[in-house]
Amino acid sequence: MSEQIDGVAEGRSGRTWVFIPLAIFIAVAIMFQFALKSGDPSKLPSALIGKPVPPTEFPALNGLKSGNAPVPGFTSADLAKGQVTVVNFWASWCAPCVEEHPLLVELAKEPNLRLYGVNYKDEPENALRFLGRYGNPFAALGVDQKGRGAIEWGVYGMPETFVVDGQGRIAYKHVGPLTPRSIVEKILPAVKEAQRPGPPGS
C-alpha cells in the first residue's frame, strides 16, 4: 500500500514539473502583451535627438504646385539654414495621416515655423490626390519612394514628426499621429525651445 501511495506521489510530482515551464511561459507572454498594449509609442527613444539630421535628399513630388510655382523637395543641408523646421513623414495610404492632416494645415500657419513633408513609399498620383483633397501645408515636400531616408531618420512607421533646429539638429521626435494636445504640449514647446538663441558655435 505504501508503495502505491509513493508511486502516486511521484507521478503527481513529475506532472507538476512538466507544467511549471508552461506556466512561466504563459505568465511571460501575458506580461509582454500587456506591455505592448499599454505602451506609449510616442515615448520610444531616438538616438538622433540632439544630433544633426542624417545626410539625406528628398526629391520633389512631380506635379505638386503652390500657385504656379512647383513645390520643391529638400535635403538635409536645407534644414541647417537658421530656421526651425517641422518635418512630417506621411503617406496617402496611412489612415492616421488623414486624421492628423487638418492639424498640419493649422500648424503651418504658426509664425517663424516652416513645415516640410516627406511622402513615404507612395504612388505619386495618390500623393497628389491626397494633397489636392486635404490641402498642402508643406513649404517643401520630398518623396522617399524606397524608404531609405526614413530608415536613416529612424522612422518606426507613418506618421512621424520631427522638430529640427536652425543648425539642422533633431530637437524632438513624435511617433504616431499628432493631436491637438501633443501639438500644444510637445511640438510647439519644442519649436520654441529650438528657436532660442544658443551660445556662439553651439
N, C-alpha and C. Protein backbone atom coordinates (compact mmCIF):
# COMPACT_ATOMS: atom_id res chain seq x y z
N MET A 1 0.83 -1.21 0.00
CA MET A 1 0.00 0.00 0.00
C MET A 1 0.85 1.25 0.00
N SER A 2 1.92 1.18 0.85
CA SER A 2 2.83 2.32 0.93
C SER A 2 3.50 2.57 -0.40
N GLU A 3 3.84 1.43 -1.10
CA GLU A 3 4.49 1.58 -2.41
C GLU A 3 3.54 2.25 -3.41
N GLN A 4 2.25 1.92 -3.34
CA GLN A 4 1.30 2.52 -4.25
C GLN A 4 1.16 4.02 -4.01
N ILE A 5 1.10 4.39 -2.71
CA ILE A 5 0.99 5.81 -2.37
C ILE A 5 2.22 6.56 -2.84
N ASP A 6 3.41 5.99 -2.61
CA ASP A 6 4.65 6.63 -3.06
C ASP A 6 4.66 6.81 -4.56
N GLY A 7 4.12 5.79 -5.27
CA GLY A 7 4.10 5.86 -6.73
C GLY A 7 3.19 6.97 -7.22
N VAL A 8 2.02 7.08 -6.58
CA VAL A 8 1.09 8.15 -6.96
C VAL A 8 1.70 9.51 -6.70
N ALA A 9 2.39 9.66 -5.54
CA ALA A 9 3.03 10.94 -5.18
C ALA A 9 4.10 11.30 -6.20
N GLU A 10 4.92 10.28 -6.58
CA GLU A 10 5.97 10.55 -7.55
C GLU A 10 5.38 10.96 -8.89
N GLY A 11 4.25 10.32 -9.29
CA GLY A 11 3.61 10.66 -10.56
C GLY A 11 3.09 12.08 -10.57
N ARG A 12 2.46 12.46 -9.46
CA ARG A 12 1.95 13.83 -9.38
C ARG A 12 3.08 14.83 -9.40
N SER A 13 4.17 14.52 -8.69
CA SER A 13 5.32 15.42 -8.66
C SER A 13 5.92 15.58 -10.05
N GLY A 14 5.97 14.47 -10.80
CA GLY A 14 6.51 14.53 -12.16
C GLY A 14 5.66 15.41 -13.07
N ARG A 15 4.34 15.25 -12.94
CA ARG A 15 3.44 16.06 -13.76
C ARG A 15 3.55 17.55 -13.40
N THR A 16 3.77 17.85 -12.11
CA THR A 16 3.91 19.23 -11.67
C THR A 16 5.11 19.89 -12.34
N TRP A 17 6.22 19.17 -12.41
CA TRP A 17 7.42 19.73 -13.04
C TRP A 17 7.22 19.97 -14.53
N VAL A 18 6.38 19.18 -15.15
CA VAL A 18 6.09 19.38 -16.57
C VAL A 18 5.34 20.69 -16.79
N PHE A 19 4.43 21.03 -15.88
CA PHE A 19 3.58 22.22 -16.06
C PHE A 19 4.25 23.52 -15.65
N ILE A 20 5.30 23.47 -14.84
CA ILE A 20 5.96 24.70 -14.37
C ILE A 20 6.51 25.54 -15.53
N PRO A 21 7.29 24.94 -16.45
CA PRO A 21 7.78 25.77 -17.58
C PRO A 21 6.64 26.36 -18.41
N LEU A 22 5.57 25.60 -18.60
CA LEU A 22 4.43 26.09 -19.36
C LEU A 22 3.79 27.29 -18.66
N ALA A 23 3.64 27.20 -17.33
CA ALA A 23 3.05 28.29 -16.56
C ALA A 23 3.92 29.54 -16.65
N ILE A 24 5.23 29.36 -16.57
CA ILE A 24 6.15 30.50 -16.67
C ILE A 24 6.03 31.16 -18.04
N PHE A 25 5.96 30.34 -19.09
CA PHE A 25 5.85 30.86 -20.45
C PHE A 25 4.57 31.68 -20.63
N ILE A 26 3.45 31.16 -20.11
CA ILE A 26 2.17 31.85 -20.22
C ILE A 26 2.23 33.18 -19.48
N ALA A 27 2.82 33.18 -18.28
CA ALA A 27 2.90 34.41 -17.49
C ALA A 27 3.73 35.47 -18.21
N VAL A 28 4.86 35.05 -18.79
CA VAL A 28 5.72 36.00 -19.53
C VAL A 28 4.98 36.55 -20.75
N ALA A 29 4.25 35.67 -21.45
CA ALA A 29 3.51 36.10 -22.64
C ALA A 29 2.44 37.13 -22.28
N ILE A 30 1.75 36.91 -21.17
CA ILE A 30 0.71 37.85 -20.72
C ILE A 30 1.34 39.20 -20.38
N MET A 31 2.47 39.18 -19.69
CA MET A 31 3.15 40.43 -19.33
C MET A 31 3.61 41.18 -20.57
N PHE A 32 4.12 40.44 -21.56
CA PHE A 32 4.60 41.05 -22.79
C PHE A 32 3.45 41.72 -23.54
N GLN A 33 2.32 41.03 -23.64
CA GLN A 33 1.15 41.60 -24.31
C GLN A 33 0.66 42.85 -23.60
N PHE A 34 0.65 42.80 -22.27
CA PHE A 34 0.20 43.96 -21.51
C PHE A 34 1.12 45.15 -21.75
N ALA A 35 2.42 44.90 -21.81
CA ALA A 35 3.38 45.98 -22.04
C ALA A 35 3.19 46.59 -23.41
N LEU A 36 2.90 45.75 -24.40
CA LEU A 36 2.69 46.26 -25.75
C LEU A 36 1.45 47.13 -25.82
N LYS A 37 0.38 46.67 -25.20
CA LYS A 37 -0.90 47.39 -25.30
C LYS A 37 -0.89 48.68 -24.48
N SER A 38 -0.18 48.68 -23.37
CA SER A 38 -0.19 49.86 -22.51
C SER A 38 0.93 50.83 -22.83
N GLY A 39 1.86 50.43 -23.70
CA GLY A 39 2.98 51.29 -24.02
C GLY A 39 2.57 52.49 -24.84
N ASP A 40 3.30 53.59 -24.69
CA ASP A 40 3.05 54.81 -25.44
C ASP A 40 4.10 54.92 -26.54
N PRO A 41 3.72 54.71 -27.82
CA PRO A 41 4.72 54.73 -28.88
C PRO A 41 5.41 56.06 -29.02
N SER A 42 4.78 57.15 -28.57
CA SER A 42 5.42 58.46 -28.69
C SER A 42 6.61 58.59 -27.76
N LYS A 43 6.74 57.66 -26.82
CA LYS A 43 7.86 57.70 -25.88
C LYS A 43 9.02 56.82 -26.31
N LEU A 44 8.93 56.23 -27.50
CA LEU A 44 10.03 55.43 -27.98
C LEU A 44 11.27 56.31 -28.12
N PRO A 45 12.41 55.85 -27.63
CA PRO A 45 13.61 56.70 -27.66
C PRO A 45 14.16 56.86 -29.06
N SER A 46 14.85 57.96 -29.28
CA SER A 46 15.53 58.18 -30.56
C SER A 46 16.98 58.54 -30.27
N ALA A 47 17.89 57.80 -30.89
CA ALA A 47 19.32 58.06 -30.70
C ALA A 47 19.76 59.33 -31.42
N LEU A 48 18.87 59.91 -32.24
CA LEU A 48 19.25 61.06 -33.04
C LEU A 48 18.94 62.40 -32.36
N ILE A 49 18.26 62.39 -31.23
CA ILE A 49 17.93 63.64 -30.55
C ILE A 49 19.23 64.37 -30.19
N GLY A 50 19.29 65.64 -30.59
CA GLY A 50 20.48 66.45 -30.32
C GLY A 50 21.58 66.31 -31.36
N LYS A 51 21.36 65.44 -32.34
CA LYS A 51 22.37 65.21 -33.38
C LYS A 51 21.89 65.77 -34.72
N PRO A 52 22.83 66.05 -35.64
CA PRO A 52 22.42 66.53 -36.97
C PRO A 52 21.54 65.52 -37.69
N VAL A 53 20.61 66.03 -38.49
CA VAL A 53 19.79 65.11 -39.28
C VAL A 53 20.70 64.29 -40.20
N PRO A 54 20.33 63.06 -40.47
CA PRO A 54 21.18 62.22 -41.34
C PRO A 54 21.28 62.84 -42.74
N PRO A 55 22.43 62.66 -43.40
CA PRO A 55 22.58 63.16 -44.78
C PRO A 55 21.56 62.47 -45.69
N THR A 56 20.57 63.21 -46.12
CA THR A 56 19.50 62.66 -46.96
C THR A 56 19.06 63.69 -47.98
N GLU A 57 18.48 63.18 -49.06
CA GLU A 57 17.95 64.05 -50.11
C GLU A 57 16.58 63.53 -50.51
N PHE A 58 15.59 64.39 -50.43
CA PHE A 58 14.23 64.03 -50.77
C PHE A 58 13.79 64.85 -51.99
N PRO A 59 13.77 64.23 -53.18
CA PRO A 59 13.39 64.96 -54.39
C PRO A 59 11.93 65.40 -54.37
N ALA A 60 11.64 66.41 -55.16
CA ALA A 60 10.29 66.99 -55.20
C ALA A 60 9.27 65.99 -55.74
N LEU A 61 8.03 66.17 -55.33
CA LEU A 61 6.92 65.38 -55.87
C LEU A 61 6.49 66.02 -57.18
N ASN A 62 6.75 65.34 -58.27
CA ASN A 62 6.45 65.90 -59.59
C ASN A 62 4.96 66.23 -59.72
N GLY A 63 4.70 67.45 -60.18
CA GLY A 63 3.32 67.87 -60.40
C GLY A 63 2.70 68.65 -59.27
N LEU A 64 3.38 68.70 -58.10
CA LEU A 64 2.85 69.44 -56.97
C LEU A 64 3.23 70.91 -57.08
N LYS A 65 2.24 71.79 -57.05
CA LYS A 65 2.49 73.22 -57.20
C LYS A 65 1.82 74.01 -56.09
N SER A 66 2.39 75.17 -55.82
CA SER A 66 1.79 76.16 -54.95
C SER A 66 1.59 77.40 -55.79
N GLY A 67 0.34 77.65 -56.19
CA GLY A 67 0.10 78.68 -57.20
C GLY A 67 0.62 78.16 -58.54
N ASN A 68 1.50 78.94 -59.16
CA ASN A 68 2.09 78.50 -60.43
C ASN A 68 3.49 77.92 -60.25
N ALA A 69 4.00 77.96 -59.02
CA ALA A 69 5.37 77.51 -58.77
C ALA A 69 5.39 76.08 -58.24
N PRO A 70 6.32 75.28 -58.71
CA PRO A 70 6.43 73.91 -58.17
C PRO A 70 6.90 73.93 -56.72
N VAL A 71 6.37 73.02 -55.92
CA VAL A 71 6.81 72.88 -54.53
C VAL A 71 8.11 72.09 -54.54
N PRO A 72 9.18 72.64 -53.94
CA PRO A 72 10.47 71.96 -54.01
C PRO A 72 10.58 70.79 -53.06
N GLY A 73 11.52 69.90 -53.35
CA GLY A 73 11.95 68.91 -52.39
C GLY A 73 12.96 69.56 -51.46
N PHE A 74 13.68 68.75 -50.69
CA PHE A 74 14.69 69.33 -49.80
C PHE A 74 15.75 68.30 -49.45
N THR A 75 16.86 68.81 -48.94
CA THR A 75 17.96 67.96 -48.49
C THR A 75 18.23 68.24 -47.02
N SER A 76 19.08 67.43 -46.42
CA SER A 76 19.45 67.67 -45.02
C SER A 76 20.14 69.01 -44.86
N ALA A 77 20.87 69.45 -45.88
CA ALA A 77 21.55 70.75 -45.81
C ALA A 77 20.54 71.90 -45.73
N ASP A 78 19.38 71.74 -46.33
CA ASP A 78 18.35 72.79 -46.29
C ASP A 78 17.80 72.99 -44.88
N LEU A 79 18.00 72.02 -44.01
CA LEU A 79 17.47 72.09 -42.66
C LEU A 79 18.43 72.79 -41.70
N ALA A 80 19.57 73.22 -42.20
CA ALA A 80 20.58 73.86 -41.35
C ALA A 80 20.86 75.28 -41.79
N LYS A 81 19.81 75.99 -42.15
CA LYS A 81 19.97 77.35 -42.66
C LYS A 81 19.39 78.41 -41.72
N GLY A 82 19.30 78.06 -40.44
CA GLY A 82 18.97 79.05 -39.44
C GLY A 82 17.53 79.11 -38.98
N GLN A 83 16.63 78.38 -39.64
CA GLN A 83 15.22 78.43 -39.26
C GLN A 83 14.75 77.07 -38.76
N VAL A 84 13.93 77.09 -37.71
CA VAL A 84 13.38 75.85 -37.17
C VAL A 84 12.41 75.25 -38.17
N THR A 85 12.50 73.93 -38.33
CA THR A 85 11.66 73.23 -39.29
C THR A 85 10.96 72.05 -38.62
N VAL A 86 9.70 71.88 -38.93
CA VAL A 86 8.98 70.68 -38.52
C VAL A 86 8.87 69.78 -39.75
N VAL A 87 9.37 68.55 -39.63
CA VAL A 87 9.39 67.59 -40.74
C VAL A 87 8.42 66.46 -40.43
N ASN A 88 7.46 66.27 -41.32
CA ASN A 88 6.42 65.26 -41.12
C ASN A 88 6.52 64.17 -42.18
N PHE A 89 6.68 62.92 -41.75
CA PHE A 89 6.67 61.76 -42.64
C PHE A 89 5.23 61.25 -42.73
N TRP A 90 4.73 61.06 -43.95
CA TRP A 90 3.33 60.68 -44.13
C TRP A 90 3.17 59.88 -45.43
N ALA A 91 1.99 59.31 -45.61
CA ALA A 91 1.66 58.57 -46.83
C ALA A 91 0.15 58.63 -47.06
N SER A 92 -0.26 58.56 -48.30
CA SER A 92 -1.69 58.64 -48.62
C SER A 92 -2.44 57.40 -48.15
N TRP A 93 -1.73 56.27 -48.02
CA TRP A 93 -2.37 55.03 -47.61
C TRP A 93 -2.47 54.89 -46.08
N CYS A 94 -2.00 55.90 -45.37
CA CYS A 94 -1.92 55.86 -43.91
C CYS A 94 -3.15 56.54 -43.31
N ALA A 95 -4.05 55.76 -42.69
CA ALA A 95 -5.28 56.32 -42.12
C ALA A 95 -5.01 57.37 -41.04
N PRO A 96 -4.07 57.15 -40.10
CA PRO A 96 -3.79 58.19 -39.12
C PRO A 96 -3.27 59.50 -39.74
N CYS A 97 -2.65 59.39 -40.92
CA CYS A 97 -2.17 60.60 -41.60
C CYS A 97 -3.34 61.48 -42.04
N VAL A 98 -4.44 60.83 -42.42
CA VAL A 98 -5.64 61.58 -42.80
C VAL A 98 -6.18 62.31 -41.57
N GLU A 99 -6.18 61.64 -40.42
CA GLU A 99 -6.72 62.22 -39.20
C GLU A 99 -5.91 63.44 -38.75
N GLU A 100 -4.59 63.37 -38.88
CA GLU A 100 -3.77 64.47 -38.37
C GLU A 100 -3.59 65.61 -39.36
N HIS A 101 -3.95 65.39 -40.63
CA HIS A 101 -3.64 66.38 -41.67
C HIS A 101 -4.23 67.76 -41.41
N PRO A 102 -5.50 67.88 -40.96
CA PRO A 102 -6.01 69.22 -40.66
C PRO A 102 -5.18 69.95 -39.61
N LEU A 103 -4.58 69.21 -38.69
CA LEU A 103 -3.73 69.82 -37.67
C LEU A 103 -2.44 70.36 -38.29
N LEU A 104 -1.94 69.67 -39.30
CA LEU A 104 -0.75 70.16 -40.01
C LEU A 104 -1.06 71.44 -40.77
N VAL A 105 -2.24 71.49 -41.35
CA VAL A 105 -2.65 72.70 -42.07
C VAL A 105 -2.66 73.89 -41.12
N GLU A 106 -3.15 73.70 -39.90
CA GLU A 106 -3.17 74.78 -38.92
C GLU A 106 -1.76 75.07 -38.40
N LEU A 107 -0.97 74.02 -38.19
CA LEU A 107 0.39 74.19 -37.67
C LEU A 107 1.24 75.02 -38.63
N ALA A 108 0.99 74.87 -39.93
CA ALA A 108 1.77 75.59 -40.93
C ALA A 108 1.57 77.10 -40.84
N LYS A 109 0.50 77.53 -40.15
CA LYS A 109 0.21 78.96 -40.01
C LYS A 109 1.00 79.61 -38.88
N GLU A 110 1.69 78.79 -38.07
CA GLU A 110 2.46 79.34 -36.95
C GLU A 110 3.60 80.22 -37.48
N PRO A 111 3.80 81.41 -36.86
CA PRO A 111 4.88 82.29 -37.32
C PRO A 111 6.25 81.70 -37.00
N ASN A 112 7.20 82.03 -37.84
CA ASN A 112 8.60 81.61 -37.66
C ASN A 112 8.76 80.09 -37.61
N LEU A 113 7.89 79.40 -38.29
CA LEU A 113 7.97 77.94 -38.36
C LEU A 113 7.70 77.52 -39.80
N ARG A 114 8.53 76.66 -40.32
CA ARG A 114 8.28 76.12 -41.65
C ARG A 114 8.03 74.62 -41.53
N LEU A 115 7.09 74.16 -42.31
CA LEU A 115 6.67 72.76 -42.26
C LEU A 115 7.07 72.07 -43.56
N TYR A 116 7.89 71.02 -43.44
CA TYR A 116 8.32 70.22 -44.58
C TYR A 116 7.69 68.84 -44.46
N GLY A 117 7.43 68.22 -45.60
CA GLY A 117 6.84 66.89 -45.60
C GLY A 117 7.71 65.90 -46.36
N VAL A 118 7.60 64.64 -45.96
CA VAL A 118 8.25 63.54 -46.67
C VAL A 118 7.17 62.51 -46.99
N ASN A 119 6.92 62.31 -48.27
CA ASN A 119 5.93 61.33 -48.72
C ASN A 119 6.61 59.97 -48.84
N TYR A 120 6.14 59.00 -48.05
CA TYR A 120 6.85 57.74 -47.86
C TYR A 120 6.21 56.60 -48.66
N LYS A 121 7.04 55.95 -49.50
CA LYS A 121 6.63 54.75 -50.24
C LYS A 121 5.23 54.87 -50.82
N ASP A 122 5.01 55.91 -51.60
CA ASP A 122 3.68 56.21 -52.11
C ASP A 122 3.72 56.29 -53.62
N GLU A 123 2.57 56.11 -54.24
CA GLU A 123 2.44 56.37 -55.66
C GLU A 123 2.23 57.87 -55.86
N PRO A 124 2.98 58.51 -56.79
CA PRO A 124 2.88 59.96 -56.95
C PRO A 124 1.45 60.45 -57.16
N GLU A 125 0.69 59.73 -57.98
CA GLU A 125 -0.68 60.17 -58.24
C GLU A 125 -1.55 60.11 -56.99
N ASN A 126 -1.27 59.13 -56.11
CA ASN A 126 -2.03 59.04 -54.86
C ASN A 126 -1.67 60.17 -53.91
N ALA A 127 -0.38 60.50 -53.87
CA ALA A 127 0.07 61.61 -53.02
C ALA A 127 -0.53 62.92 -53.50
N LEU A 128 -0.54 63.14 -54.82
CA LEU A 128 -1.12 64.36 -55.38
C LEU A 128 -2.61 64.44 -55.10
N ARG A 129 -3.29 63.31 -55.22
CA ARG A 129 -4.72 63.28 -54.96
C ARG A 129 -5.02 63.59 -53.49
N PHE A 130 -4.20 63.04 -52.61
CA PHE A 130 -4.34 63.28 -51.17
C PHE A 130 -4.22 64.77 -50.86
N LEU A 131 -3.16 65.40 -51.37
CA LEU A 131 -2.93 66.82 -51.09
C LEU A 131 -3.96 67.70 -51.79
N GLY A 132 -4.44 67.26 -52.95
CA GLY A 132 -5.49 68.01 -53.63
C GLY A 132 -6.79 67.99 -52.85
N ARG A 133 -7.04 66.90 -52.15
CA ARG A 133 -8.28 66.76 -51.40
C ARG A 133 -8.21 67.44 -50.04
N TYR A 134 -7.08 67.26 -49.34
CA TYR A 134 -6.99 67.73 -47.96
C TYR A 134 -6.18 69.02 -47.81
N GLY A 135 -5.52 69.47 -48.87
CA GLY A 135 -4.72 70.68 -48.79
C GLY A 135 -3.25 70.37 -48.60
N ASN A 136 -2.39 71.28 -49.05
CA ASN A 136 -0.95 71.10 -48.92
C ASN A 136 -0.39 72.12 -47.94
N PRO A 137 -0.04 71.69 -46.73
CA PRO A 137 0.52 72.62 -45.75
C PRO A 137 2.04 72.77 -45.84
N PHE A 138 2.68 72.02 -46.74
CA PHE A 138 4.13 71.92 -46.75
C PHE A 138 4.79 72.98 -47.63
N ALA A 139 5.77 73.70 -47.05
CA ALA A 139 6.57 74.65 -47.83
C ALA A 139 7.51 73.92 -48.77
N ALA A 140 7.92 72.74 -48.38
CA ALA A 140 8.73 71.86 -49.22
C ALA A 140 8.25 70.43 -48.99
N LEU A 141 8.22 69.65 -50.05
CA LEU A 141 7.76 68.27 -49.94
C LEU A 141 8.65 67.36 -50.77
N GLY A 142 9.29 66.41 -50.09
CA GLY A 142 10.13 65.45 -50.79
C GLY A 142 9.51 64.07 -50.76
N VAL A 143 9.99 63.22 -51.65
CA VAL A 143 9.48 61.85 -51.70
C VAL A 143 10.57 60.88 -51.27
N ASP A 144 10.16 59.84 -50.57
CA ASP A 144 11.05 58.77 -50.13
C ASP A 144 10.48 57.48 -50.69
N GLN A 145 10.66 57.31 -52.00
CA GLN A 145 10.00 56.23 -52.73
C GLN A 145 10.38 54.85 -52.23
N LYS A 146 11.65 54.66 -51.89
CA LYS A 146 12.11 53.34 -51.45
C LYS A 146 12.23 53.20 -49.94
N GLY A 147 12.01 54.29 -49.22
CA GLY A 147 12.03 54.23 -47.76
C GLY A 147 13.41 54.30 -47.14
N ARG A 148 14.44 54.56 -47.95
CA ARG A 148 15.80 54.61 -47.38
C ARG A 148 15.98 55.81 -46.46
N GLY A 149 15.40 56.95 -46.83
CA GLY A 149 15.52 58.13 -45.99
C GLY A 149 14.89 57.93 -44.62
N ALA A 150 13.72 57.29 -44.60
CA ALA A 150 13.04 57.02 -43.34
C ALA A 150 13.89 56.13 -42.44
N ILE A 151 14.57 55.16 -43.02
CA ILE A 151 15.46 54.29 -42.24
C ILE A 151 16.57 55.11 -41.61
N GLU A 152 17.16 56.02 -42.40
CA GLU A 152 18.24 56.86 -41.89
C GLU A 152 17.76 57.74 -40.74
N TRP A 153 16.52 58.19 -40.82
CA TRP A 153 15.97 59.06 -39.78
C TRP A 153 15.45 58.27 -38.58
N GLY A 154 15.47 56.95 -38.66
CA GLY A 154 14.98 56.12 -37.56
C GLY A 154 13.48 56.12 -37.41
N VAL A 155 12.77 56.21 -38.54
CA VAL A 155 11.31 56.24 -38.51
C VAL A 155 10.77 54.84 -38.25
N TYR A 156 9.81 54.73 -37.32
CA TYR A 156 9.19 53.45 -36.99
C TYR A 156 8.00 53.14 -37.90
N GLY A 157 7.23 54.17 -38.25
CA GLY A 157 6.03 53.96 -39.06
C GLY A 157 5.37 55.30 -39.33
N MET A 158 4.33 55.28 -40.14
CA MET A 158 3.65 56.52 -40.51
C MET A 158 2.50 56.80 -39.55
N PRO A 159 2.28 58.05 -39.19
CA PRO A 159 3.14 59.21 -39.44
C PRO A 159 4.14 59.41 -38.30
N GLU A 160 5.18 60.17 -38.57
CA GLU A 160 6.11 60.63 -37.53
C GLU A 160 6.50 62.06 -37.82
N THR A 161 6.79 62.81 -36.77
CA THR A 161 7.08 64.23 -36.91
C THR A 161 8.33 64.59 -36.12
N PHE A 162 9.19 65.39 -36.74
CA PHE A 162 10.44 65.82 -36.12
C PHE A 162 10.48 67.35 -36.04
N VAL A 163 11.04 67.85 -34.95
CA VAL A 163 11.37 69.27 -34.85
C VAL A 163 12.89 69.38 -35.03
N VAL A 164 13.30 70.18 -36.01
CA VAL A 164 14.73 70.34 -36.34
C VAL A 164 15.11 71.79 -36.09
N ASP A 165 16.18 72.02 -35.33
CA ASP A 165 16.57 73.39 -35.03
C ASP A 165 17.28 74.04 -36.22
N GLY A 166 17.63 75.31 -36.07
CA GLY A 166 18.21 76.05 -37.19
C GLY A 166 19.57 75.58 -37.64
N GLN A 167 20.23 74.78 -36.82
CA GLN A 167 21.52 74.21 -37.18
C GLN A 167 21.40 72.82 -37.79
N GLY A 168 20.15 72.38 -37.99
CA GLY A 168 19.93 71.08 -38.61
C GLY A 168 20.03 69.92 -37.64
N ARG A 169 19.83 70.19 -36.35
CA ARG A 169 19.86 69.11 -35.36
C ARG A 169 18.45 68.74 -34.94
N ILE A 170 18.23 67.45 -34.73
CA ILE A 170 16.91 66.97 -34.32
C ILE A 170 16.68 67.32 -32.85
N ALA A 171 15.67 68.14 -32.60
CA ALA A 171 15.38 68.59 -31.25
C ALA A 171 14.30 67.76 -30.57
N TYR A 172 13.40 67.20 -31.37
CA TYR A 172 12.27 66.44 -30.80
C TYR A 172 11.72 65.50 -31.86
N LYS A 173 11.20 64.36 -31.40
CA LYS A 173 10.59 63.38 -32.30
C LYS A 173 9.26 62.93 -31.72
N HIS A 174 8.22 62.94 -32.56
CA HIS A 174 6.90 62.47 -32.13
C HIS A 174 6.52 61.28 -33.00
N VAL A 175 6.24 60.16 -32.36
CA VAL A 175 5.84 58.94 -33.06
C VAL A 175 4.32 58.83 -33.04
N GLY A 176 3.74 58.59 -34.22
CA GLY A 176 2.30 58.46 -34.31
C GLY A 176 1.64 59.77 -34.73
N PRO A 177 0.32 59.75 -34.90
CA PRO A 177 -0.37 60.95 -35.36
C PRO A 177 -0.35 62.06 -34.32
N LEU A 178 -0.24 63.28 -34.80
CA LEU A 178 -0.33 64.44 -33.92
C LEU A 178 -1.77 64.60 -33.44
N THR A 179 -1.91 65.17 -32.27
CA THR A 179 -3.22 65.51 -31.72
C THR A 179 -3.16 66.97 -31.27
N PRO A 180 -4.31 67.61 -31.06
CA PRO A 180 -4.26 68.98 -30.55
C PRO A 180 -3.43 69.08 -29.27
N ARG A 181 -3.57 68.08 -28.41
CA ARG A 181 -2.82 68.11 -27.15
C ARG A 181 -1.32 67.97 -27.37
N SER A 182 -0.92 67.05 -28.24
CA SER A 182 0.52 66.86 -28.46
C SER A 182 1.15 68.07 -29.13
N ILE A 183 0.38 68.76 -29.96
CA ILE A 183 0.91 69.97 -30.59
C ILE A 183 1.13 71.05 -29.54
N VAL A 184 0.14 71.25 -28.67
CA VAL A 184 0.23 72.30 -27.65
C VAL A 184 1.28 71.97 -26.59
N GLU A 185 1.31 70.70 -26.18
CA GLU A 185 2.17 70.33 -25.05
C GLU A 185 3.56 69.86 -25.46
N LYS A 186 3.73 69.43 -26.71
CA LYS A 186 5.02 68.87 -27.12
C LYS A 186 5.65 69.61 -28.29
N ILE A 187 4.93 69.70 -29.41
CA ILE A 187 5.52 70.24 -30.63
C ILE A 187 5.86 71.73 -30.48
N LEU A 188 4.88 72.55 -30.10
CA LEU A 188 5.12 73.99 -30.01
C LEU A 188 6.17 74.34 -28.95
N PRO A 189 6.16 73.71 -27.76
CA PRO A 189 7.25 73.98 -26.82
C PRO A 189 8.62 73.57 -27.37
N ALA A 190 8.67 72.46 -28.11
CA ALA A 190 9.95 72.04 -28.70
C ALA A 190 10.41 73.03 -29.75
N VAL A 191 9.45 73.57 -30.53
CA VAL A 191 9.79 74.59 -31.52
C VAL A 191 10.31 75.85 -30.83
N LYS A 192 9.62 76.26 -29.78
CA LYS A 192 10.02 77.47 -29.06
C LYS A 192 11.41 77.31 -28.46
N GLU A 193 11.67 76.15 -27.88
CA GLU A 193 12.99 75.89 -27.30
C GLU A 193 14.07 75.89 -28.38
N ALA A 194 13.74 75.31 -29.55
CA ALA A 194 14.72 75.26 -30.64
C ALA A 194 14.98 76.64 -31.22
N GLN A 195 14.04 77.55 -31.06
CA GLN A 195 14.20 78.90 -31.58
C GLN A 195 15.04 79.80 -30.68
N ARG A 196 15.24 79.35 -29.45
CA ARG A 196 16.02 80.17 -28.52
C ARG A 196 17.47 80.24 -28.97
N PRO A 197 18.05 81.45 -28.96
CA PRO A 197 19.46 81.55 -29.38
C PRO A 197 20.37 80.86 -28.38
N GLY A 198 21.32 80.12 -28.90
CA GLY A 198 22.29 79.44 -28.05
C GLY A 198 23.60 80.17 -28.08
N PRO A 199 24.57 79.72 -27.29
CA PRO A 199 25.88 80.36 -27.28
C PRO A 199 26.55 80.20 -28.63
N PRO A 200 27.45 81.09 -29.02
CA PRO A 200 28.15 81.00 -30.30
C PRO A 200 28.80 79.64 -30.49
N GLY A 201 28.62 79.10 -31.70
CA GLY A 201 29.24 77.82 -32.03
C GLY A 201 28.47 76.63 -31.54
N SER A 202 27.32 76.86 -30.89
CA SER A 202 26.54 75.71 -30.37
C SER A 202 25.76 75.06 -31.50
